[in-house]
Amino acid sequence: MDTFNYDAPAELYPSRRYAKSARDQYRRFKTAAEAIQFIMEDVPGSWLIGSFLEVNERRFDGDAIRSLYEAAGYPLPRQKAAA
């Protein structure tokens, strides 16, 4: 994957299938790294299916989000092994 700015602001759009409440359907994060950490560590893994992350007008699906989390350049400590 080409250079990715983990410090850029990000918007996370979880799949409507899993995010039932309005609070869970859209979240804005100060950094992309925080958004990635949230979806990888704080919600069930099934949420990756149908969810997407938007950073600098680029969209990343669940597989791309997982790749960004597993990348060597990911700046935050991982709380669990990536599934």
PDB file of N, CA and C in Angstrom:
ATOM      1  N   MET A   1       0.861  -1.170   0.000  1.00  0.00           N
ATOM      2  CA  MET A   1       0.000   0.000   0.000  1.00  0.00           C
ATOM      3  C   MET A   1       0.906   1.231   0.000  1.00  0.00           C
ATOM      4  N   ASP A   2       0.523   2.246  -0.769  1.00  0.00           N
ATOM      5  CA  ASP A   2       1.342   3.445  -0.837  1.00  0.00           C
ATOM      6  C   ASP A   2       1.311   4.185   0.504  1.00  0.00           C
ATOM      7  N   THR A   3       2.015   5.287   0.602  1.00  0.00           N
ATOM      8  CA  THR A   3       2.122   6.037   1.845  1.00  0.00           C
ATOM      9  C   THR A   3       0.741   6.409   2.372  1.00  0.00           C
ATOM     10  N   PHE A   4       0.533   6.146   3.638  1.00  0.00           N
ATOM     11  CA  PHE A   4      -0.738   6.440   4.288  1.00  0.00           C
ATOM     12  C   PHE A   4      -0.464   7.340   5.483  1.00  0.00           C
ATOM     13  N   ASN A   5      -1.256   8.386   5.644  1.00  0.00           N
ATOM     14  CA  ASN A   5      -1.086   9.330   6.745  1.00  0.00           C
ATOM     15  C   ASN A   5      -1.994   8.923   7.911  1.00  0.00           C
ATOM     16  N   TYR A   6      -1.417   8.244   8.880  1.00  0.00           N
ATOM     17  CA  TYR A   6      -2.168   7.807  10.056  1.00  0.00           C
ATOM     18  C   TYR A   6      -2.578   8.975  10.952  1.00  0.00           C
ATOM     19  N   ASP A   7      -1.972  10.147  10.758  1.00  0.00           N
ATOM     20  CA  ASP A   7      -2.288  11.319  11.573  1.00  0.00           C
ATOM     21  C   ASP A   7      -3.421  12.170  10.998  1.00  0.00           C
ATOM     22  N   ALA A   8      -3.877  11.856   9.814  1.00  0.00           N
ATOM     23  CA  ALA A   8      -4.948  12.628   9.174  1.00  0.00           C
ATOM     24  C   ALA A   8      -6.290  12.356   9.862  1.00  0.00           C
ATOM     25  N   PRO A   9      -7.177  13.343   9.880  1.00  0.00           N
ATOM     26  CA  PRO A   9      -8.526  13.110  10.406  1.00  0.00           C
ATOM     27  C   PRO A   9      -9.222  12.024   9.590  1.00  0.00           C
ATOM     28  N   ALA A  10     -10.119  11.291  10.246  1.00  0.00           N
ATOM     29  CA  ALA A  10     -10.790  10.180   9.569  1.00  0.00           C
ATOM     30  C   ALA A  10     -12.250  10.093   9.975  1.00  0.00           C
ATOM     31  N   GLU A  11     -13.029   9.526   9.062  1.00  0.00           N
ATOM     32  CA  GLU A  11     -14.442   9.255   9.319  1.00  0.00           C
ATOM     33  C   GLU A  11     -14.668   7.767   9.125  1.00  0.00           C
ATOM     34  N   LEU A  12     -15.347   7.169  10.082  1.00  0.00           N
ATOM     35  CA  LEU A  12     -15.609   5.739  10.038  1.00  0.00           C
ATOM     36  C   LEU A  12     -17.104   5.512   9.855  1.00  0.00           C
ATOM     37  N   TYR A  13     -17.436   4.729   8.843  1.00  0.00           N
ATOM     38  CA  TYR A  13     -18.818   4.392   8.538  1.00  0.00           C
ATOM     39  C   TYR A  13     -18.983   2.886   8.724  1.00  0.00           C
ATOM     40  N   PRO A  14     -19.366   2.455   9.932  1.00  0.00           N
ATOM     41  CA  PRO A  14     -19.565   1.024  10.153  1.00  0.00           C
ATOM     42  C   PRO A  14     -20.752   0.509   9.343  1.00  0.00           C
ATOM     43  N   SER A  15     -20.712  -0.750   9.037  1.00  0.00           N
ATOM     44  CA  SER A  15     -21.797  -1.384   8.307  1.00  0.00           C
ATOM     45  C   SER A  15     -23.109  -1.200   9.060  1.00  0.00           C
ATOM     46  N   ARG A  16     -24.142  -0.819   8.369  1.00  0.00           N
ATOM     47  CA  ARG A  16     -25.459  -0.668   9.000  1.00  0.00           C
ATOM     48  C   ARG A  16     -25.977  -1.998   9.527  1.00  0.00           C
ATOM     49  N   ARG A  17     -25.479  -3.055   8.978  1.00  0.00           N
ATOM     50  CA  ARG A  17     -25.909  -4.389   9.413  1.00  0.00           C
ATOM     51  C   ARG A  17     -25.567  -4.620  10.888  1.00  0.00           C
ATOM     52  N   TYR A  18     -24.445  -4.075  11.334  1.00  0.00           N
ATOM     53  CA  TYR A  18     -24.000  -4.316  12.700  1.00  0.00           C
ATOM     54  C   TYR A  18     -24.166  -3.107  13.604  1.00  0.00           C
ATOM     55  N   ALA A  19     -24.051  -1.935  13.080  1.00  0.00           N
ATOM     56  CA  ALA A  19     -24.168  -0.709  13.871  1.00  0.00           C
ATOM     57  C   ALA A  19     -25.630  -0.289  13.889  1.00  0.00           C
ATOM     58  N   LYS A  20     -26.338  -0.727  14.896  1.00  0.00           N
ATOM     59  CA  LYS A  20     -27.789  -0.509  14.934  1.00  0.00           C
ATOM     60  C   LYS A  20     -28.187   0.880  15.428  1.00  0.00           C
ATOM     61  N   SER A  21     -27.464   1.438  16.389  1.00  0.00           N
ATOM     62  CA  SER A  21     -27.851   2.735  16.915  1.00  0.00           C
ATOM     63  C   SER A  21     -27.247   3.851  16.058  1.00  0.00           C
ATOM     64  N   ALA A  22     -27.858   5.012  16.115  1.00  0.00           N
ATOM     65  CA  ALA A  22     -27.369   6.159  15.344  1.00  0.00           C
ATOM     66  C   ALA A  22     -25.951   6.525  15.767  1.00  0.00           C
ATOM     67  N   ARG A  23     -25.641   6.358  17.039  1.00  0.00           N
ATOM     68  CA  ARG A  23     -24.304   6.667  17.559  1.00  0.00           C
ATOM     69  C   ARG A  23     -23.238   5.794  16.912  1.00  0.00           C
ATOM     70  N   ASP A  24     -23.576   4.570  16.607  1.00  0.00           N
ATOM     71  CA  ASP A  24     -22.616   3.628  16.029  1.00  0.00           C
ATOM     72  C   ASP A  24     -22.508   3.717  14.510  1.00  0.00           C
ATOM     73  N   GLN A  25     -23.382   4.427  13.847  1.00  0.00           N
ATOM     74  CA  GLN A  25     -23.409   4.412  12.397  1.00  0.00           C
ATOM     75  C   GLN A  25     -22.374   5.336  11.751  1.00  0.00           C
ATOM     76  N   TYR A  26     -21.854   6.280  12.502  1.00  0.00           N
ATOM     77  CA  TYR A  26     -20.861   7.208  11.933  1.00  0.00           C
ATOM     78  C   TYR A  26     -20.049   7.778  13.081  1.00  0.00           C
ATOM     79  N   ARG A  27     -18.740   7.802  12.906  1.00  0.00           N
ATOM     80  CA  ARG A  27     -17.882   8.418  13.916  1.00  0.00           C
ATOM     81  C   ARG A  27     -16.752   9.161  13.228  1.00  0.00           C
ATOM     82  N   ARG A  28     -16.422  10.290  13.785  1.00  0.00           N
ATOM     83  CA  ARG A  28     -15.294  11.079  13.300  1.00  0.00           C
ATOM     84  C   ARG A  28     -14.171  10.935  14.332  1.00  0.00           C
ATOM     85  N   PHE A  29     -12.955  10.778  13.829  1.00  0.00           N
ATOM     86  CA  PHE A  29     -11.795  10.601  14.696  1.00  0.00           C
ATOM     87  C   PHE A  29     -10.744  11.652  14.376  1.00  0.00           C
ATOM     88  N   LYS A  30      -9.994  12.037  15.405  1.00  0.00           N
ATOM     89  CA  LYS A  30      -8.929  13.019  15.237  1.00  0.00           C
ATOM     90  C   LYS A  30      -7.853  12.481  14.298  1.00  0.00           C
ATOM     91  N   THR A  31      -7.572  11.177  14.400  1.00  0.00           N
ATOM     92  CA  THR A  31      -6.573  10.561  13.520  1.00  0.00           C
ATOM     93  C   THR A  31      -7.094   9.257  12.943  1.00  0.00           C
ATOM     94  N   ALA A  32      -6.581   8.917  11.788  1.00  0.00           N
ATOM     95  CA  ALA A  32      -6.935   7.649  11.162  1.00  0.00           C
ATOM     96  C   ALA A  32      -6.487   6.485  12.031  1.00  0.00           C
ATOM     97  N   ALA A  33      -5.345   6.623  12.700  1.00  0.00           N
ATOM     98  CA  ALA A  33      -4.848   5.551  13.566  1.00  0.00           C
ATOM     99  C   ALA A  33      -5.859   5.231  14.665  1.00  0.00           C
ATOM    100  N   GLU A  34      -6.485   6.249  15.241  1.00  0.00           N
ATOM    101  CA  GLU A  34      -7.482   6.034  16.282  1.00  0.00           C
ATOM    102  C   GLU A  34      -8.727   5.345  15.726  1.00  0.00           C
ATOM    103  N   ALA A  35      -9.134   5.720  14.540  1.00  0.00           N
ATOM    104  CA  ALA A  35     -10.293   5.084  13.904  1.00  0.00           C
ATOM    105  C   ALA A  35     -10.007   3.611  13.621  1.00  0.00           C
ATOM    106  N   ILE A  36      -8.828   3.328  13.119  1.00  0.00           N
ATOM    107  CA  ILE A  36      -8.435   1.953  12.817  1.00  0.00           C
ATOM    108  C   ILE A  36      -8.376   1.142  14.102  1.00  0.00           C
ATOM    109  N   GLN A  37      -7.802   1.722  15.137  1.00  0.00           N
ATOM    110  CA  GLN A  37      -7.719   1.020  16.415  1.00  0.00           C
ATOM    111  C   GLN A  37      -9.124   0.709  16.946  1.00  0.00           C
ATOM    112  N   PHE A  38     -10.040   1.665  16.836  1.00  0.00           N
ATOM    113  CA  PHE A  38     -11.405   1.452  17.312  1.00  0.00           C
ATOM    114  C   PHE A  38     -12.058   0.255  16.621  1.00  0.00           C
ATOM    115  N   ILE A  39     -12.028   0.216  15.308  1.00  0.00           N
ATOM    116  CA  ILE A  39     -12.735  -0.854  14.611  1.00  0.00           C
ATOM    117  C   ILE A  39     -12.021  -2.202  14.743  1.00  0.00           C
ATOM    118  N   MET A  40     -10.719  -2.182  14.935  1.00  0.00           N
ATOM    119  CA  MET A  40      -9.983  -3.437  15.073  1.00  0.00           C
ATOM    120  C   MET A  40      -9.993  -3.985  16.497  1.00  0.00           C
ATOM    121  N   GLU A  41     -10.127  -3.117  17.500  1.00  0.00           N
ATOM    122  CA  GLU A  41      -9.984  -3.572  18.882  1.00  0.00           C
ATOM    123  C   GLU A  41     -11.225  -3.406  19.750  1.00  0.00           C
ATOM    124  N   ASP A  42     -12.123  -2.498  19.405  1.00  0.00           N
ATOM    125  CA  ASP A  42     -13.230  -2.179  20.300  1.00  0.00           C
ATOM    126  C   ASP A  42     -14.596  -2.703  19.870  1.00  0.00           C
ATOM    127  N   VAL A  43     -14.704  -3.205  18.680  1.00  0.00           N
ATOM    128  CA  VAL A  43     -15.984  -3.752  18.207  1.00  0.00           C
ATOM    129  C   VAL A  43     -15.732  -5.149  17.639  1.00  0.00           C
ATOM    130  N   PRO A  44     -16.779  -5.948  17.488  1.00  0.00           N
ATOM    131  CA  PRO A  44     -16.577  -7.290  16.934  1.00  0.00           C
ATOM    132  C   PRO A  44     -15.962  -7.260  15.532  1.00  0.00           C
ATOM    133  N   GLY A  45     -15.151  -8.260  15.229  1.00  0.00           N
ATOM    134  CA  GLY A  45     -14.487  -8.362  13.932  1.00  0.00           C
ATOM    135  C   GLY A  45     -15.439  -8.374  12.758  1.00  0.00           C
ATOM    136  N   SER A  46     -16.664  -8.840  12.981  1.00  0.00           N
ATOM    137  CA  SER A  46     -17.650  -8.891  11.901  1.00  0.00           C
ATOM    138  C   SER A  46     -17.988  -7.497  11.375  1.00  0.00           C
ATOM    139  N   TRP A  47     -17.714  -6.468  12.157  1.00  0.00           N
ATOM    140  CA  TRP A  47     -18.013  -5.104  11.726  1.00  0.00           C
ATOM    141  C   TRP A  47     -17.171  -4.677  10.535  1.00  0.00           C
ATOM    142  N   LEU A  48     -16.059  -5.321  10.291  1.00  0.00           N
ATOM    143  CA  LEU A  48     -15.236  -4.952   9.134  1.00  0.00           C
ATOM    144  C   LEU A  48     -15.971  -5.169   7.817  1.00  0.00           C
ATOM    145  N   ILE A  49     -16.853  -6.159   7.803  1.00  0.00           N
ATOM    146  CA  ILE A  49     -17.602  -6.463   6.578  1.00  0.00           C
ATOM    147  C   ILE A  49     -18.620  -5.349   6.332  1.00  0.00           C
ATOM    148  N   GLY A  50     -18.452  -4.641   5.260  1.00  0.00           N
ATOM    149  CA  GLY A  50     -19.387  -3.582   4.896  1.00  0.00           C
ATOM    150  C   GLY A  50     -19.054  -2.214   5.475  1.00  0.00           C
ATOM    151  N   SER A  51     -18.046  -2.140   6.329  1.00  0.00           N
ATOM    152  CA  SER A  51     -17.639  -0.851   6.895  1.00  0.00           C
ATOM    153  C   SER A  51     -16.587  -0.214   6.000  1.00  0.00           C
ATOM    154  N   PHE A  52     -16.468   1.109   6.102  1.00  0.00           N
ATOM    155  CA  PHE A  52     -15.373   1.748   5.398  1.00  0.00           C
ATOM    156  C   PHE A  52     -14.884   2.965   6.171  1.00  0.00           C
ATOM    157  N   LEU A  53     -13.638   3.281   5.915  1.00  0.00           N
ATOM    158  CA  LEU A  53     -12.945   4.392   6.533  1.00  0.00           C
ATOM    159  C   LEU A  53     -12.649   5.405   5.441  1.00  0.00           C
ATOM    160  N   GLU A  54     -12.899   6.673   5.723  1.00  0.00           N
ATOM    161  CA  GLU A  54     -12.582   7.720   4.751  1.00  0.00           C
ATOM    162  C   GLU A  54     -11.508   8.631   5.327  1.00  0.00           C
ATOM    163  N   VAL A  55     -10.409   8.757   4.592  1.00  0.00           N
ATOM    164  CA  VAL A  55      -9.264   9.577   4.993  1.00  0.00           C
ATOM    165  C   VAL A  55      -8.798  10.345   3.759  1.00  0.00           C
ATOM    166  N   ASN A  56      -8.740  11.665   3.882  1.00  0.00           N
ATOM    167  CA  ASN A  56      -8.296  12.504   2.754  1.00  0.00           C
ATOM    168  C   ASN A  56      -9.035  12.165   1.458  1.00  0.00           C
ATOM    169  N   GLU A  57     -10.342  12.013   1.568  1.00  0.00           N
ATOM    170  CA  GLU A  57     -11.227  11.739   0.429  1.00  0.00           C
ATOM    171  C   GLU A  57     -10.962  10.390  -0.239  1.00  0.00           C
ATOM    172  N   ARG A  58     -10.269   9.493   0.455  1.00  0.00           N
ATOM    173  CA  ARG A  58     -10.065   8.123  -0.037  1.00  0.00           C
ATOM    174  C   ARG A  58     -10.805   7.184   0.884  1.00  0.00           C
ATOM    175  N   ARG A  59     -11.420   6.166   0.303  1.00  0.00           N
ATOM    176  CA  ARG A  59     -12.171   5.187   1.091  1.00  0.00           C
ATOM    177  C   ARG A  59     -11.420   3.867   1.164  1.00  0.00           C
ATOM    178  N   PHE A  60     -11.488   3.261   2.347  1.00  0.00           N
ATOM    179  CA  PHE A  60     -10.824   1.991   2.606  1.00  0.00           C
ATOM    180  C   PHE A  60     -11.862   1.018   3.156  1.00  0.00           C
ATOM    181  N   ASP A  61     -12.003  -0.139   2.508  1.00  0.00           N
ATOM    182  CA  ASP A  61     -12.959  -1.139   2.969  1.00  0.00           C
ATOM    183  C   ASP A  61     -12.356  -1.945   4.118  1.00  0.00           C
ATOM    184  N   GLY A  62     -13.089  -2.933   4.601  1.00  0.00           N
ATOM    185  CA  GLY A  62     -12.652  -3.728   5.739  1.00  0.00           C
ATOM    186  C   GLY A  62     -11.300  -4.392   5.545  1.00  0.00           C
ATOM    187  N   ASP A  63     -11.054  -4.952   4.373  1.00  0.00           N
ATOM    188  CA  ASP A  63      -9.759  -5.595   4.112  1.00  0.00           C
ATOM    189  C   ASP A  63      -8.622  -4.576   4.147  1.00  0.00           C
ATOM    190  N   ALA A  64      -8.865  -3.403   3.598  1.00  0.00           N
ATOM    191  CA  ALA A  64      -7.835  -2.353   3.605  1.00  0.00           C
ATOM    192  C   ALA A  64      -7.595  -1.838   5.020  1.00  0.00           C
ATOM    193  N   ILE A  65      -8.660  -1.726   5.813  1.00  0.00           N
ATOM    194  CA  ILE A  65      -8.512  -1.303   7.206  1.00  0.00           C
ATOM    195  C   ILE A  65      -7.639  -2.309   7.967  1.00  0.00           C
ATOM    196  N   ARG A  66      -7.896  -3.576   7.773  1.00  0.00           N
ATOM    197  CA  ARG A  66      -7.093  -4.619   8.417  1.00  0.00           C
ATOM    198  C   ARG A  66      -5.626  -4.502   7.978  1.00  0.00           C
ATOM    199  N   SER A  67      -5.390  -4.275   6.705  1.00  0.00           N
ATOM    200  CA  SER A  67      -4.018  -4.129   6.193  1.00  0.00           C
ATOM    201  C   SER A  67      -3.315  -2.925   6.816  1.00  0.00           C
ATOM    202  N   LEU A  68      -4.045  -1.827   6.984  1.00  0.00           N
ATOM    203  CA  LEU A  68      -3.462  -0.642   7.611  1.00  0.00           C
ATOM    204  C   LEU A  68      -3.108  -0.912   9.070  1.00  0.00           C
ATOM    205  N   TYR A  69      -3.937  -1.675   9.752  1.00  0.00           N
ATOM    206  CA  TYR A  69      -3.690  -2.028  11.153  1.00  0.00           C
ATOM    207  C   TYR A  69      -2.477  -2.945  11.283  1.00  0.00           C
ATOM    208  N   GLU A  70      -2.331  -3.862  10.355  1.00  0.00           N
ATOM    209  CA  GLU A  70      -1.240  -4.834  10.399  1.00  0.00           C
ATOM    210  C   GLU A  70       0.073  -4.297   9.827  1.00  0.00           C
ATOM    211  N   ALA A  71       0.025  -3.154   9.177  1.00  0.00           N
ATOM    212  CA  ALA A  71       1.215  -2.580   8.533  1.00  0.00           C
ATOM    213  C   ALA A  71       2.285  -2.211   9.560  1.00  0.00           C
ATOM    214  N   ALA A  72       3.528  -2.314   9.146  1.00  0.00           N
ATOM    215  CA  ALA A  72       4.655  -1.974  10.022  1.00  0.00           C
ATOM    216  C   ALA A  72       4.604  -0.511  10.457  1.00  0.00           C
ATOM    217  N   GLY A  73       4.018   0.358   9.635  1.00  0.00           N
ATOM    218  CA  GLY A  73       3.965   1.779   9.947  1.00  0.00           C
ATOM    219  C   GLY A  73       2.839   2.198  10.872  1.00  0.00           C
ATOM    220  N   TYR A  74       1.997   1.250  11.289  1.00  0.00           N
ATOM    221  CA  TYR A  74       0.895   1.594  12.196  1.00  0.00           C
ATOM    222  C   TYR A  74       1.481   2.144  13.498  1.00  0.00           C
ATOM    223  N   PRO A  75       1.111   3.381  13.895  1.00  0.00           N
ATOM    224  CA  PRO A  75       1.818   4.066  14.988  1.00  0.00           C
ATOM    225  C   PRO A  75       1.394   3.745  16.418  1.00  0.00           C
ATOM    226  N   LEU A  76       0.234   3.154  16.626  1.00  0.00           N
ATOM    227  CA  LEU A  76      -0.241   2.917  17.979  1.00  0.00           C
ATOM    228  C   LEU A  76       0.070   1.498  18.436  1.00  0.00           C
ATOM    229  N   PRO A  77       0.214   1.296  19.745  1.00  0.00           N
ATOM    230  CA  PRO A  77       0.422  -0.062  20.235  1.00  0.00           C
ATOM    231  C   PRO A  77      -0.824  -0.901  19.967  1.00  0.00           C
ATOM    232  N   ARG A  78      -0.630  -2.110  19.552  1.00  0.00           N
ATOM    233  CA  ARG A  78      -1.761  -3.010  19.308  1.00  0.00           C
ATOM    234  C   ARG A  78      -2.112  -3.712  20.610  1.00  0.00           C
ATOM    235  N   GLN A  79      -3.395  -3.709  20.937  1.00  0.00           N
ATOM    236  CA  GLN A  79      -3.843  -4.323  22.183  1.00  0.00           C
ATOM    237  C   GLN A  79      -4.051  -5.816  22.055  1.00  0.00           C
ATOM    238  N   LYS A  80      -4.232  -6.280  20.856  1.00  0.00           N
ATOM    239  CA  LYS A  80      -4.400  -7.709  20.628  1.00  0.00           C
ATOM    240  C   LYS A  80      -3.825  -8.047  19.269  1.00  0.00           C
ATOM    241  N   ALA A  81      -3.574  -9.311  19.051  1.00  0.00           N
ATOM    242  CA  ALA A  81      -3.081  -9.736  17.744  1.00  0.00           C
ATOM    243  C   ALA A  81      -4.176  -9.544  16.727  1.00  0.00           C
ATOM    244  N   ALA A  82      -3.824  -9.065  15.560  1.00  0.00           N
ATOM    245  CA  ALA A  82      -4.804  -8.891  14.483  1.00  0.00           C
ATOM    246  C   ALA A  82      -5.347 -10.240  14.088  1.00  0.00           C
ATOM    247  N   ALA A  83      -6.661 -10.315  13.962  1.00  0.00           N
ATOM    248  CA  ALA A  83      -7.306 -11.586  13.608  1.00  0.00           C
ATOM    249  C   ALA A  83      -7.159 -11.879  12.140  1.00  0.00           C
TER     250      ALA A  83
END
